[in-house]
Amino acid sequence: MKLNAFKLLFLLVAACSAAFAADAPSLEAPDALVRRITDDVMETARTDKEIKAGNRKRILQVVEQKILPHVDLERTVSLAAGRHWRDATPQQRQQLTTEFRTMLIRTYAGALSLVGDQKLVYKPLRAAPDDTEVTVRFEVRQLRGRDPVEVSYRLYKAADGWKVYDVNVLGVWLVETYKSSFSAEIDRSGIDGLIRMLAERNRELAARAGTA
């Protein structure tokens, strides 16, 4: 998958996740909630002068406040780590989740600059009223004759509302992508090695952004 496709993936996760930051009726369907708020989030990214100017502090602030609180990162990381998650100590789990969170913050921040003339076309939600896990599907359509991008979100209903924990872009699930690389690194150097790998990746991202 091309780099821009990966950035688009994280952008879409960010937009969807931000939907849950707004006050909304508790019984609102997850697809209706995503549809209503995502449009507003993307419009903000298009028009916010500081974001458009590349103000790193402002972008990171938006990511921290509106996006990550509504993504269940521990669930995502535990699924990506698979059976190795059970063998990790509480401290290792916390460190792994923290490094993964830092990586996503910087990735989300970079993705915000990609918001442009995209149009989201949602598909009907296939779920029963009492389902606690759902998949929301839509297409991202761009102008200039580019092919649409198929996107799917996996969400589950937590005590405090719906949470995003996985995303599929162009047929690739986020959790499965990380599961492969996580497993390979753990086999080579253990869970501590995976933590070190993510920490190094975060330092590289910080250096590229010119931030500490």
C-alpha atoms as a PDB file:
ATOM      1  CA  MET A   1       0.000   0.000   0.000  1.00  0.00           C
ATOM      2  CA  LYS A   2       1.330   3.435  -0.882  1.00  0.00           C
ATOM      3  CA  LEU A   3       2.301   5.875   1.867  1.00  0.00           C
ATOM      4  CA  ASN A   4      -0.593   8.180   1.036  1.00  0.00           C
ATOM      5  CA  ALA A   5      -2.999   5.286   1.462  1.00  0.00           C
ATOM      6  CA  PHE A   6      -1.640   4.625   4.948  1.00  0.00           C
ATOM      7  CA  LYS A   7      -1.981   8.307   5.802  1.00  0.00           C
ATOM      8  CA  LEU A   8      -5.531   8.278   4.487  1.00  0.00           C
ATOM      9  CA  LEU A   9      -6.263   5.258   6.658  1.00  0.00           C
ATOM     10  CA  PHE A  10      -5.232   7.100   9.811  1.00  0.00           C
ATOM     11  CA  LEU A  11      -7.029  10.227   8.688  1.00  0.00           C
ATOM     12  CA  LEU A  12     -10.247   8.288   8.360  1.00  0.00           C
ATOM     13  CA  VAL A  13      -9.809   6.678  11.754  1.00  0.00           C
ATOM     14  CA  ALA A  14      -9.259  10.135  13.192  1.00  0.00           C
ATOM     15  CA  ALA A  15     -12.329  11.594  11.548  1.00  0.00           C
ATOM     16  CA  CYS A  16     -14.527   8.737  12.673  1.00  0.00           C
ATOM     17  CA  SER A  17     -13.151   8.729  16.209  1.00  0.00           C
ATOM     18  CA  ALA A  18     -13.690  12.466  16.574  1.00  0.00           C
ATOM     19  CA  ALA A  19     -17.375  11.879  15.992  1.00  0.00           C
ATOM     20  CA  PHE A  20     -17.683  10.582  19.521  1.00  0.00           C
ATOM     21  CA  ALA A  21     -16.287  13.740  21.095  1.00  0.00           C
ATOM     22  CA  ALA A  22     -19.536  15.628  20.601  1.00  0.00           C
ATOM     23  CA  ASP A  23     -22.531  15.421  22.881  1.00  0.00           C
ATOM     24  CA  ALA A  24     -25.143  13.277  21.160  1.00  0.00           C
ATOM     25  CA  PRO A  25     -28.240  11.287  22.106  1.00  0.00           C
ATOM     26  CA  SER A  26     -27.103   8.041  23.752  1.00  0.00           C
ATOM     27  CA  LEU A  27     -29.382   5.970  21.520  1.00  0.00           C
ATOM     28  CA  GLU A  28     -28.170   7.474  18.266  1.00  0.00           C
ATOM     29  CA  ALA A  29     -27.098   4.775  15.834  1.00  0.00           C
ATOM     30  CA  PRO A  30     -23.330   4.532  15.340  1.00  0.00           C
ATOM     31  CA  ASP A  31     -23.521   5.102  11.589  1.00  0.00           C
ATOM     32  CA  ALA A  32     -25.754   8.156  12.039  1.00  0.00           C
ATOM     33  CA  LEU A  33     -23.352   9.526  14.640  1.00  0.00           C
ATOM     34  CA  VAL A  34     -20.342   8.968  12.399  1.00  0.00           C
ATOM     35  CA  ARG A  35     -22.105  10.551   9.425  1.00  0.00           C
ATOM     36  CA  ARG A  36     -23.255  13.624  11.348  1.00  0.00           C
ATOM     37  CA  ILE A  37     -20.022  14.489  13.122  1.00  0.00           C
ATOM     38  CA  THR A  38     -17.401  13.351  10.605  1.00  0.00           C
ATOM     39  CA  ASP A  39     -18.612  15.913   8.091  1.00  0.00           C
ATOM     40  CA  ASP A  40     -18.155  18.619  10.713  1.00  0.00           C
ATOM     41  CA  VAL A  41     -14.670  17.397  11.659  1.00  0.00           C
ATOM     42  CA  MET A  42     -13.487  17.301   8.068  1.00  0.00           C
ATOM     43  CA  GLU A  43     -14.900  20.759   7.401  1.00  0.00           C
ATOM     44  CA  THR A  44     -12.996  22.055  10.431  1.00  0.00           C
ATOM     45  CA  ALA A  45      -9.772  20.552   9.093  1.00  0.00           C
ATOM     46  CA  ARG A  46     -10.418  22.253   5.749  1.00  0.00           C
ATOM     47  CA  THR A  47     -11.083  25.688   7.228  1.00  0.00           C
ATOM     48  CA  ASP A  48      -9.045  25.936  10.442  1.00  0.00           C
ATOM     49  CA  LYS A  49      -6.356  28.495   9.602  1.00  0.00           C
ATOM     50  CA  GLU A  50      -3.847  27.135  12.088  1.00  0.00           C
ATOM     51  CA  ILE A  51      -4.208  23.588  10.812  1.00  0.00           C
ATOM     52  CA  LYS A  52      -3.938  24.725   7.212  1.00  0.00           C
ATOM     53  CA  ALA A  53      -0.819  26.709   8.124  1.00  0.00           C
ATOM     54  CA  GLY A  54       0.738  23.561   9.601  1.00  0.00           C
ATOM     55  CA  ASN A  55       0.719  24.731  13.223  1.00  0.00           C
ATOM     56  CA  ARG A  56       2.017  21.548  14.867  1.00  0.00           C
ATOM     57  CA  LYS A  57       0.929  22.505  18.361  1.00  0.00           C
ATOM     58  CA  ARG A  58      -2.644  23.145  17.230  1.00  0.00           C
ATOM     59  CA  ILE A  59      -2.804  19.893  15.256  1.00  0.00           C
ATOM     60  CA  LEU A  60      -1.498  17.830  18.166  1.00  0.00           C
ATOM     61  CA  GLN A  61      -3.987  19.575  20.460  1.00  0.00           C
ATOM     62  CA  VAL A  62      -6.887  18.597  18.224  1.00  0.00           C
ATOM     63  CA  VAL A  63      -5.696  15.012  18.053  1.00  0.00           C
ATOM     64  CA  GLU A  64      -5.237  14.750  21.827  1.00  0.00           C
ATOM     65  CA  GLN A  65      -8.540  16.349  22.771  1.00  0.00           C
ATOM     66  CA  LYS A  66     -10.959  15.200  20.094  1.00  0.00           C
ATOM     67  CA  ILE A  67      -9.678  11.927  18.707  1.00  0.00           C
ATOM     68  CA  LEU A  68      -7.693   9.608  20.910  1.00  0.00           C
ATOM     69  CA  PRO A  69     -10.025   9.699  23.942  1.00  0.00           C
ATOM     70  CA  HIS A  70     -12.596   7.971  21.731  1.00  0.00           C
ATOM     71  CA  VAL A  71     -10.390   5.202  20.365  1.00  0.00           C
ATOM     72  CA  ASP A  72      -9.858   2.097  22.504  1.00  0.00           C
ATOM     73  CA  LEU A  73      -6.125   1.847  21.992  1.00  0.00           C
ATOM     74  CA  GLU A  74      -5.650  -0.900  24.550  1.00  0.00           C
ATOM     75  CA  ARG A  75      -8.142  -3.085  22.702  1.00  0.00           C
ATOM     76  CA  THR A  76      -6.403  -2.356  19.400  1.00  0.00           C
ATOM     77  CA  VAL A  77      -2.962  -3.128  20.813  1.00  0.00           C
ATOM     78  CA  SER A  78      -4.125  -6.288  22.594  1.00  0.00           C
ATOM     79  CA  LEU A  79      -5.651  -7.628  19.375  1.00  0.00           C
ATOM     80  CA  ALA A  80      -2.527  -6.733  17.413  1.00  0.00           C
ATOM     81  CA  ALA A  81      -0.277  -8.403  19.997  1.00  0.00           C
ATOM     82  CA  GLY A  82      -2.486 -11.502  19.977  1.00  0.00           C
ATOM     83  CA  ARG A  83      -1.442 -14.327  22.306  1.00  0.00           C
ATOM     84  CA  HIS A  84       1.630 -12.347  23.354  1.00  0.00           C
ATOM     85  CA  TRP A  85      -0.620  -9.850  25.159  1.00  0.00           C
ATOM     86  CA  ARG A  86      -1.498 -12.524  27.724  1.00  0.00           C
ATOM     87  CA  ASP A  87       2.185 -13.063  28.481  1.00  0.00           C
ATOM     88  CA  ALA A  88       2.964  -9.364  28.927  1.00  0.00           C
ATOM     89  CA  THR A  89       3.258  -7.874  32.387  1.00  0.00           C
ATOM     90  CA  PRO A  90       0.985  -4.974  33.378  1.00  0.00           C
ATOM     91  CA  GLN A  91       3.961  -2.631  33.007  1.00  0.00           C
ATOM     92  CA  GLN A  92       4.758  -3.950  29.515  1.00  0.00           C
ATOM     93  CA  ARG A  93       1.121  -3.576  28.476  1.00  0.00           C
ATOM     94  CA  GLN A  94       1.118   0.021  29.669  1.00  0.00           C
ATOM     95  CA  GLN A  95       4.409   0.823  27.909  1.00  0.00           C
ATOM     96  CA  LEU A  96       3.255  -0.830  24.689  1.00  0.00           C
ATOM     97  CA  THR A  97      -0.032   1.074  24.700  1.00  0.00           C
ATOM     98  CA  THR A  98       1.740   4.351  25.503  1.00  0.00           C
ATOM     99  CA  GLU A  99       4.225   3.997  22.631  1.00  0.00           C
ATOM    100  CA  PHE A 100       1.450   2.971  20.242  1.00  0.00           C
ATOM    101  CA  ARG A 101      -0.594   5.982  21.342  1.00  0.00           C
ATOM    102  CA  THR A 102       2.354   8.341  20.738  1.00  0.00           C
ATOM    103  CA  MET A 103       2.855   6.882  17.278  1.00  0.00           C
ATOM    104  CA  LEU A 104      -0.802   7.380  16.368  1.00  0.00           C
ATOM    105  CA  ILE A 105      -0.824  10.952  17.673  1.00  0.00           C
ATOM    106  CA  ARG A 106       1.944  11.915  15.271  1.00  0.00           C
ATOM    107  CA  THR A 107       0.449   9.901  12.422  1.00  0.00           C
ATOM    108  CA  TYR A 108      -2.971  11.496  12.908  1.00  0.00           C
ATOM    109  CA  ALA A 109      -1.343  14.920  13.016  1.00  0.00           C
ATOM    110  CA  GLY A 110       0.324  14.340   9.670  1.00  0.00           C
ATOM    111  CA  ALA A 111      -2.901  13.004   8.154  1.00  0.00           C
ATOM    112  CA  LEU A 112      -4.930  16.125   8.949  1.00  0.00           C
ATOM    113  CA  SER A 113      -3.092  18.002   6.225  1.00  0.00           C
ATOM    114  CA  LEU A 114      -4.520  15.557   3.634  1.00  0.00           C
ATOM    115  CA  VAL A 115      -8.114  16.690   4.080  1.00  0.00           C
ATOM    116  CA  GLY A 116      -9.283  18.260   0.849  1.00  0.00           C
ATOM    117  CA  ASP A 117     -12.172  17.671  -1.534  1.00  0.00           C
ATOM    118  CA  GLN A 118     -13.017  14.143  -0.385  1.00  0.00           C
ATOM    119  CA  LYS A 119     -16.673  13.134  -0.228  1.00  0.00           C
ATOM    120  CA  LEU A 120     -17.923  10.342   2.042  1.00  0.00           C
ATOM    121  CA  VAL A 121     -20.688   8.078   0.711  1.00  0.00           C
ATOM    122  CA  TYR A 122     -22.081   5.786   3.418  1.00  0.00           C
ATOM    123  CA  LYS A 123     -23.507   2.309   2.977  1.00  0.00           C
ATOM    124  CA  PRO A 124     -26.513   0.996   4.930  1.00  0.00           C
ATOM    125  CA  LEU A 125     -25.617  -0.304   8.381  1.00  0.00           C
ATOM    126  CA  ARG A 126     -26.095  -4.047   8.663  1.00  0.00           C
ATOM    127  CA  ALA A 127     -26.741  -4.545  12.366  1.00  0.00           C
ATOM    128  CA  ALA A 128     -29.482  -5.544  14.783  1.00  0.00           C
ATOM    129  CA  PRO A 129     -30.685  -2.991  17.365  1.00  0.00           C
ATOM    130  CA  ASP A 130     -29.122  -4.963  20.224  1.00  0.00           C
ATOM    131  CA  ASP A 131     -25.729  -5.549  18.577  1.00  0.00           C
ATOM    132  CA  THR A 132     -22.777  -4.409  20.666  1.00  0.00           C
ATOM    133  CA  GLU A 133     -20.265  -4.632  17.803  1.00  0.00           C
ATOM    134  CA  VAL A 134     -20.866  -3.107  14.377  1.00  0.00           C
ATOM    135  CA  THR A 135     -19.063  -2.312  11.165  1.00  0.00           C
ATOM    136  CA  VAL A 136     -19.658   1.040   9.465  1.00  0.00           C
ATOM    137  CA  ARG A 137     -18.790   1.080   5.747  1.00  0.00           C
ATOM    138  CA  PHE A 138     -18.436   3.908   3.252  1.00  0.00           C
ATOM    139  CA  GLU A 139     -16.543   5.108   0.221  1.00  0.00           C
ATOM    140  CA  VAL A 140     -14.167   8.053   0.082  1.00  0.00           C
ATOM    141  CA  ARG A 141     -14.638   9.699  -3.275  1.00  0.00           C
ATOM    142  CA  GLN A 142     -12.188  12.247  -4.609  1.00  0.00           C
ATOM    143  CA  LEU A 143     -12.381  14.574  -7.536  1.00  0.00           C
ATOM    144  CA  ARG A 144     -10.228  14.481 -10.665  1.00  0.00           C
ATOM    145  CA  GLY A 145     -11.299  10.982 -11.671  1.00  0.00           C
ATOM    146  CA  ARG A 146      -9.511   9.084  -8.897  1.00  0.00           C
ATOM    147  CA  ASP A 147     -10.876   5.707  -7.886  1.00  0.00           C
ATOM    148  CA  PRO A 148     -12.989   5.675  -4.693  1.00  0.00           C
ATOM    149  CA  VAL A 149     -11.480   4.153  -1.556  1.00  0.00           C
ATOM    150  CA  GLU A 150     -13.489   1.538   0.338  1.00  0.00           C
ATOM    151  CA  VAL A 151     -13.362   2.028   4.120  1.00  0.00           C
ATOM    152  CA  SER A 152     -14.784   0.023   7.033  1.00  0.00           C
ATOM    153  CA  TYR A 153     -14.711   0.748  10.770  1.00  0.00           C
ATOM    154  CA  ARG A 154     -15.141  -1.754  13.566  1.00  0.00           C
ATOM    155  CA  LEU A 155     -16.746  -0.305  16.689  1.00  0.00           C
ATOM    156  CA  TYR A 156     -17.992  -1.773  19.938  1.00  0.00           C
ATOM    157  CA  LYS A 157     -20.381  -0.395  22.505  1.00  0.00           C
ATOM    158  CA  ALA A 158     -18.549   0.395  25.724  1.00  0.00           C
ATOM    159  CA  ALA A 159     -20.083   1.637  28.969  1.00  0.00           C
ATOM    160  CA  ASP A 160     -19.433   5.246  27.939  1.00  0.00           C
ATOM    161  CA  GLY A 161     -20.427   4.933  24.273  1.00  0.00           C
ATOM    162  CA  TRP A 162     -19.253   3.505  20.953  1.00  0.00           C
ATOM    163  CA  LYS A 163     -15.488   3.089  20.510  1.00  0.00           C
ATOM    164  CA  VAL A 164     -13.397   2.612  17.391  1.00  0.00           C
ATOM    165  CA  TYR A 165     -10.827  -0.179  17.546  1.00  0.00           C
ATOM    166  CA  ASP A 166     -10.104  -1.213  13.959  1.00  0.00           C
ATOM    167  CA  VAL A 167     -10.298   0.120  10.401  1.00  0.00           C
ATOM    168  CA  ASN A 168     -10.074  -1.373   6.929  1.00  0.00           C
ATOM    169  CA  VAL A 169      -8.816   0.576   3.917  1.00  0.00           C
ATOM    170  CA  LEU A 170      -8.379  -1.006   0.495  1.00  0.00           C
ATOM    171  CA  GLY A 171      -9.047  -4.442   1.979  1.00  0.00           C
ATOM    172  CA  VAL A 172      -6.418  -4.183   4.705  1.00  0.00           C
ATOM    173  CA  TRP A 173      -7.404  -4.242   8.398  1.00  0.00           C
ATOM    174  CA  LEU A 174      -5.280  -2.101  10.708  1.00  0.00           C
ATOM    175  CA  VAL A 175      -5.120  -4.714  13.471  1.00  0.00           C
ATOM    176  CA  GLU A 176      -4.051  -7.480  11.087  1.00  0.00           C
ATOM    177  CA  THR A 177      -1.352  -5.233   9.626  1.00  0.00           C
ATOM    178  CA  TYR A 178       0.177  -4.546  13.026  1.00  0.00           C
ATOM    179  CA  LYS A 179      -0.361  -8.139  14.189  1.00  0.00           C
ATOM    180  CA  SER A 180       2.088  -9.375  11.576  1.00  0.00           C
ATOM    181  CA  SER A 181       4.823  -6.839  12.370  1.00  0.00           C
ATOM    182  CA  PHE A 182       4.271  -7.095  16.149  1.00  0.00           C
ATOM    183  CA  SER A 183       4.547 -10.889  16.091  1.00  0.00           C
ATOM    184  CA  ALA A 184       7.723 -10.815  14.019  1.00  0.00           C
ATOM    185  CA  GLU A 185       9.409  -8.348  16.371  1.00  0.00           C
ATOM    186  CA  ILE A 186       8.296 -10.209  19.504  1.00  0.00           C
ATOM    187  CA  ASP A 187       9.654 -13.462  18.080  1.00  0.00           C
ATOM    188  CA  ARG A 188      13.009 -11.734  17.490  1.00  0.00           C
ATOM    189  CA  SER A 189      13.441  -9.756  20.691  1.00  0.00           C
ATOM    190  CA  GLY A 190      10.436 -10.218  22.946  1.00  0.00           C
ATOM    191  CA  ILE A 191       7.820  -7.716  24.065  1.00  0.00           C
ATOM    192  CA  ASP A 192      10.518  -5.363  25.356  1.00  0.00           C
ATOM    193  CA  GLY A 193      12.009  -5.410  21.879  1.00  0.00           C
ATOM    194  CA  LEU A 194       8.676  -4.404  20.384  1.00  0.00           C
ATOM    195  CA  ILE A 195       8.428  -1.551  22.876  1.00  0.00           C
ATOM    196  CA  ARG A 196      11.917  -0.392  21.892  1.00  0.00           C
ATOM    197  CA  MET A 197      11.016  -0.610  18.198  1.00  0.00           C
ATOM    198  CA  LEU A 198       7.944   1.586  18.664  1.00  0.00           C
ATOM    199  CA  ALA A 199       9.922   4.027  20.815  1.00  0.00           C
ATOM    200  CA  GLU A 200      12.539   4.332  18.063  1.00  0.00           C
ATOM    201  CA  ARG A 201       9.813   4.856  15.485  1.00  0.00           C
ATOM    202  CA  ASN A 202       8.383   7.657  17.641  1.00  0.00           C
ATOM    203  CA  ARG A 203      11.781   9.328  17.866  1.00  0.00           C
ATOM    204  CA  GLU A 204      12.072   9.202  14.090  1.00  0.00           C
ATOM    205  CA  LEU A 205       8.621  10.737  13.642  1.00  0.00           C
ATOM    206  CA  ALA A 206       9.442  13.457  16.163  1.00  0.00           C
ATOM    207  CA  ALA A 207      12.702  14.249  14.381  1.00  0.00           C
ATOM    208  CA  ARG A 208      10.967  14.527  11.016  1.00  0.00           C
ATOM    209  CA  ALA A 209       8.386  16.870  12.504  1.00  0.00           C
ATOM    210  CA  GLY A 210      11.079  18.911  14.242  1.00  0.00           C
ATOM    211  CA  THR A 211       9.533  18.313  17.651  1.00  0.00           C
ATOM    212  CA  ALA A 212      10.774  16.672  20.795  1.00  0.00           C
END
